[in-house]
Amino acid sequence: MARRQVGGEVSQARSRAATLGGSGKMKLSARNQLKGKVSEVVLGTVTALVTVKVGSNTIESVITRRSAEEMELKKGDDVVVVIKATEVMIEKP
């Protein structure tokens, strides 16, 4: 998998109810949920690199190939990026 430099402005992650993307289907403890559009899916042998455009920013996630196939992820799909982290770093240029 090729790595690319990710740049752009920082998106504001807003907290919302614990339902994923407001769909009401799955409840999560993760509060940082960003709506975006899949710009690329690169399938590997075991994993898939999913690139999502959120505003002017790009977020990449490595998930299992099986998950990508079960979700039928493809370019142009609307998705919600869910970020659950115990540590978030901030840089001031």
N, C-alpha and C. Protein backbone atom coordinates (compact mmCIF):
# COMPACT_ATOMS: atom_id res chain seq x y z
N MET A 1 0.82 -1.18 0.00
CA MET A 1 0.00 0.00 0.00
C MET A 1 0.87 1.24 0.00
N ALA A 2 0.57 2.15 -0.89
CA ALA A 2 1.32 3.40 -0.95
C ALA A 2 0.78 4.38 0.08
N ARG A 3 1.68 5.08 0.71
CA ARG A 3 1.28 6.08 1.70
C ARG A 3 1.35 7.45 1.04
N ARG A 4 0.42 8.31 1.38
CA ARG A 4 0.40 9.66 0.87
C ARG A 4 0.42 10.64 2.03
N GLN A 5 0.99 11.80 1.78
CA GLN A 5 0.96 12.85 2.79
C GLN A 5 -0.45 13.41 2.85
N VAL A 6 -0.96 13.55 4.06
CA VAL A 6 -2.31 14.07 4.26
C VAL A 6 -2.19 15.49 4.76
N GLY A 7 -2.85 16.42 4.12
CA GLY A 7 -2.78 17.81 4.54
C GLY A 7 -4.15 18.45 4.48
N GLY A 8 -4.18 19.72 4.80
CA GLY A 8 -5.44 20.45 4.76
C GLY A 8 -5.78 21.03 6.11
N GLU A 9 -6.91 21.66 6.16
CA GLU A 9 -7.36 22.27 7.40
C GLU A 9 -7.86 21.20 8.35
N VAL A 10 -7.92 21.55 9.61
CA VAL A 10 -8.42 20.62 10.62
C VAL A 10 -9.93 20.74 10.68
N SER A 11 -10.63 19.63 10.53
CA SER A 11 -12.08 19.64 10.64
C SER A 11 -12.48 19.64 12.10
N GLN A 12 -13.57 20.26 12.37
CA GLN A 12 -14.08 20.27 13.74
C GLN A 12 -14.94 19.03 13.91
N ALA A 13 -14.57 18.19 14.87
CA ALA A 13 -15.35 17.00 15.17
C ALA A 13 -16.36 17.37 16.24
N ARG A 14 -17.63 17.28 15.90
CA ARG A 14 -18.61 17.67 16.89
C ARG A 14 -19.20 16.45 17.56
N SER A 15 -19.49 16.63 18.80
CA SER A 15 -20.08 15.56 19.58
C SER A 15 -21.57 15.48 19.27
N ARG A 16 -22.09 14.29 19.16
CA ARG A 16 -23.51 14.11 18.92
C ARG A 16 -23.99 12.92 19.71
N ALA A 17 -25.25 12.64 19.64
CA ALA A 17 -25.81 11.50 20.35
C ALA A 17 -25.04 10.26 19.98
N ALA A 18 -25.11 9.25 20.81
CA ALA A 18 -24.28 8.07 20.64
C ALA A 18 -24.75 7.14 19.55
N THR A 19 -25.64 7.57 18.67
CA THR A 19 -26.03 6.70 17.57
C THR A 19 -25.16 7.02 16.37
N LEU A 20 -24.73 6.01 15.69
CA LEU A 20 -23.80 6.16 14.57
C LEU A 20 -24.43 6.95 13.45
N GLY A 21 -23.85 8.11 13.16
CA GLY A 21 -24.29 8.92 12.04
C GLY A 21 -25.74 9.33 12.10
N GLY A 22 -26.33 9.24 13.28
CA GLY A 22 -27.72 9.60 13.41
C GLY A 22 -28.66 8.57 12.83
N SER A 23 -28.12 7.41 12.43
CA SER A 23 -28.95 6.39 11.79
C SER A 23 -29.84 5.66 12.78
N GLY A 24 -29.47 5.68 14.06
CA GLY A 24 -30.25 5.00 15.07
C GLY A 24 -30.05 3.50 15.07
N LYS A 25 -29.19 2.98 14.21
CA LYS A 25 -29.00 1.54 14.11
C LYS A 25 -28.00 0.98 15.11
N MET A 26 -26.97 1.75 15.43
CA MET A 26 -25.91 1.24 16.29
C MET A 26 -25.54 2.31 17.31
N LYS A 27 -25.53 1.94 18.57
CA LYS A 27 -25.13 2.89 19.60
C LYS A 27 -23.65 2.71 19.90
N LEU A 28 -22.94 3.86 19.99
CA LEU A 28 -21.50 3.85 20.23
C LEU A 28 -21.15 4.82 21.34
N SER A 29 -20.02 4.55 21.99
CA SER A 29 -19.52 5.50 22.98
C SER A 29 -18.63 6.55 22.32
N ALA A 30 -18.21 6.30 21.08
CA ALA A 30 -17.36 7.26 20.37
C ALA A 30 -18.17 8.50 20.01
N ARG A 31 -17.65 9.66 20.37
CA ARG A 31 -18.39 10.89 20.12
C ARG A 31 -17.91 11.64 18.88
N ASN A 32 -16.73 11.35 18.40
CA ASN A 32 -16.19 12.05 17.24
C ASN A 32 -16.59 11.31 15.97
N GLN A 33 -17.59 11.83 15.29
CA GLN A 33 -18.12 11.21 14.09
C GLN A 33 -18.14 12.25 12.98
N LEU A 34 -17.48 11.94 11.87
CA LEU A 34 -17.34 12.88 10.76
C LEU A 34 -17.97 12.30 9.51
N LYS A 35 -18.92 13.01 8.92
CA LYS A 35 -19.52 12.57 7.67
C LYS A 35 -18.59 12.89 6.52
N GLY A 36 -18.43 11.91 5.62
CA GLY A 36 -17.55 12.12 4.48
C GLY A 36 -17.95 11.24 3.31
N LYS A 37 -17.10 11.27 2.29
CA LYS A 37 -17.35 10.50 1.07
C LYS A 37 -16.10 9.70 0.74
N VAL A 38 -16.28 8.42 0.44
CA VAL A 38 -15.15 7.56 0.08
C VAL A 38 -14.56 8.05 -1.24
N SER A 39 -13.23 8.30 -1.21
CA SER A 39 -12.56 8.74 -2.43
C SER A 39 -11.71 7.62 -3.05
N GLU A 40 -11.42 6.59 -2.25
CA GLU A 40 -10.61 5.48 -2.78
C GLU A 40 -10.70 4.28 -1.84
N VAL A 41 -10.72 3.10 -2.42
CA VAL A 41 -10.62 1.85 -1.65
C VAL A 41 -9.56 1.00 -2.33
N VAL A 42 -8.51 0.67 -1.59
CA VAL A 42 -7.43 -0.17 -2.12
C VAL A 42 -7.47 -1.48 -1.35
N LEU A 43 -7.83 -2.56 -2.05
CA LEU A 43 -7.93 -3.87 -1.41
C LEU A 43 -6.58 -4.57 -1.44
N GLY A 44 -6.14 -5.03 -0.28
CA GLY A 44 -4.95 -5.84 -0.18
C GLY A 44 -5.35 -7.28 0.04
N THR A 45 -4.40 -8.12 0.37
CA THR A 45 -4.69 -9.52 0.62
C THR A 45 -5.54 -9.71 1.86
N VAL A 46 -5.21 -9.00 2.92
CA VAL A 46 -5.90 -9.14 4.20
C VAL A 46 -6.60 -7.85 4.63
N THR A 47 -6.02 -6.71 4.26
CA THR A 47 -6.57 -5.43 4.69
C THR A 47 -7.01 -4.59 3.50
N ALA A 48 -7.72 -3.50 3.81
CA ALA A 48 -8.12 -2.53 2.79
C ALA A 48 -7.79 -1.15 3.32
N LEU A 49 -7.26 -0.29 2.45
CA LEU A 49 -7.01 1.10 2.78
C LEU A 49 -8.18 1.90 2.23
N VAL A 50 -8.93 2.53 3.12
CA VAL A 50 -10.10 3.32 2.73
C VAL A 50 -9.76 4.79 2.95
N THR A 51 -9.88 5.58 1.90
CA THR A 51 -9.61 7.01 1.97
C THR A 51 -10.95 7.74 1.90
N VAL A 52 -11.16 8.62 2.87
CA VAL A 52 -12.42 9.35 2.97
C VAL A 52 -12.13 10.84 2.95
N LYS A 53 -12.87 11.57 2.14
CA LYS A 53 -12.77 13.03 2.06
C LYS A 53 -13.80 13.61 3.01
N VAL A 54 -13.31 14.40 3.98
CA VAL A 54 -14.18 15.09 4.94
C VAL A 54 -13.89 16.58 4.77
N GLY A 55 -14.78 17.28 4.08
CA GLY A 55 -14.52 18.68 3.75
C GLY A 55 -13.28 18.76 2.88
N SER A 56 -12.33 19.61 3.28
CA SER A 56 -11.08 19.72 2.51
C SER A 56 -10.00 18.78 3.05
N ASN A 57 -10.36 17.91 3.96
CA ASN A 57 -9.41 16.99 4.60
C ASN A 57 -9.57 15.57 4.10
N THR A 58 -8.50 14.80 4.25
CA THR A 58 -8.50 13.40 3.88
C THR A 58 -8.20 12.57 5.12
N ILE A 59 -9.01 11.55 5.34
CA ILE A 59 -8.78 10.63 6.45
C ILE A 59 -8.61 9.23 5.86
N GLU A 60 -7.57 8.53 6.30
CA GLU A 60 -7.32 7.17 5.84
C GLU A 60 -7.52 6.20 6.98
N SER A 61 -8.10 5.06 6.66
CA SER A 61 -8.31 4.02 7.65
C SER A 61 -7.97 2.67 7.04
N VAL A 62 -7.28 1.85 7.81
CA VAL A 62 -6.98 0.49 7.38
C VAL A 62 -7.95 -0.42 8.12
N ILE A 63 -8.77 -1.13 7.36
CA ILE A 63 -9.74 -2.07 7.92
C ILE A 63 -9.50 -3.42 7.28
N THR A 64 -10.16 -4.45 7.76
CA THR A 64 -10.00 -5.76 7.13
C THR A 64 -10.64 -5.75 5.75
N ARG A 65 -10.08 -6.52 4.86
CA ARG A 65 -10.65 -6.66 3.51
C ARG A 65 -12.07 -7.19 3.61
N ARG A 66 -12.27 -8.14 4.52
CA ARG A 66 -13.60 -8.73 4.70
C ARG A 66 -14.62 -7.66 5.06
N SER A 67 -14.26 -6.75 5.96
CA SER A 67 -15.18 -5.67 6.35
C SER A 67 -15.50 -4.77 5.16
N ALA A 68 -14.49 -4.41 4.39
CA ALA A 68 -14.71 -3.56 3.21
C ALA A 68 -15.63 -4.25 2.22
N GLU A 69 -15.44 -5.54 2.03
CA GLU A 69 -16.29 -6.29 1.10
C GLU A 69 -17.71 -6.44 1.63
N GLU A 70 -17.85 -6.73 2.93
CA GLU A 70 -19.19 -6.88 3.52
C GLU A 70 -19.96 -5.58 3.47
N MET A 71 -19.25 -4.44 3.64
CA MET A 71 -19.89 -3.13 3.58
C MET A 71 -20.09 -2.67 2.14
N GLU A 72 -19.48 -3.40 1.21
CA GLU A 72 -19.52 -3.06 -0.21
C GLU A 72 -19.06 -1.62 -0.45
N LEU A 73 -17.95 -1.25 0.24
CA LEU A 73 -17.42 0.10 0.12
C LEU A 73 -16.88 0.35 -1.27
N LYS A 74 -17.23 1.52 -1.80
CA LYS A 74 -16.73 1.91 -3.12
C LYS A 74 -16.63 3.42 -3.20
N LYS A 75 -15.86 3.90 -4.17
CA LYS A 75 -15.68 5.33 -4.38
C LYS A 75 -17.05 5.99 -4.54
N GLY A 76 -17.22 7.12 -3.83
CA GLY A 76 -18.47 7.86 -3.92
C GLY A 76 -19.47 7.57 -2.82
N ASP A 77 -19.23 6.49 -2.04
CA ASP A 77 -20.15 6.16 -0.95
C ASP A 77 -20.10 7.22 0.15
N ASP A 78 -21.26 7.58 0.68
CA ASP A 78 -21.33 8.43 1.86
C ASP A 78 -21.10 7.55 3.08
N VAL A 79 -20.20 7.97 3.96
CA VAL A 79 -19.86 7.19 5.15
C VAL A 79 -19.71 8.11 6.35
N VAL A 80 -19.62 7.53 7.52
CA VAL A 80 -19.31 8.26 8.74
C VAL A 80 -18.01 7.68 9.29
N VAL A 81 -17.01 8.55 9.49
CA VAL A 81 -15.75 8.15 10.10
C VAL A 81 -15.92 8.31 11.61
N VAL A 82 -15.72 7.23 12.34
CA VAL A 82 -15.88 7.25 13.79
C VAL A 82 -14.49 7.18 14.41
N ILE A 83 -14.18 8.16 15.25
CA ILE A 83 -12.85 8.22 15.87
C ILE A 83 -13.01 8.03 17.37
N LYS A 84 -12.42 6.97 17.87
CA LYS A 84 -12.42 6.67 19.31
C LYS A 84 -10.96 6.59 19.73
N ALA A 85 -10.51 7.57 20.48
CA ALA A 85 -9.11 7.61 20.84
C ALA A 85 -8.96 8.07 22.29
N THR A 86 -8.02 7.48 22.98
CA THR A 86 -7.73 7.92 24.33
C THR A 86 -6.76 9.08 24.34
N GLU A 87 -6.10 9.31 23.20
CA GLU A 87 -5.14 10.39 23.10
C GLU A 87 -5.28 11.07 21.74
N VAL A 88 -5.45 12.36 21.74
CA VAL A 88 -5.52 13.14 20.51
C VAL A 88 -4.47 14.24 20.62
N MET A 89 -3.59 14.32 19.64
CA MET A 89 -2.51 15.30 19.68
C MET A 89 -2.90 16.54 18.88
N ILE A 90 -2.42 17.68 19.33
CA ILE A 90 -2.64 18.95 18.64
C ILE A 90 -1.29 19.58 18.38
N GLU A 91 -1.09 20.06 17.15
CA GLU A 91 0.14 20.74 16.79
C GLU A 91 -0.19 22.20 16.46
N LYS A 92 0.62 23.09 16.96
CA LYS A 92 0.49 24.50 16.60
C LYS A 92 1.68 24.88 15.75
N PRO A 93 1.44 25.17 14.48
CA PRO A 93 2.58 25.47 13.57
C PRO A 93 3.26 26.78 13.92
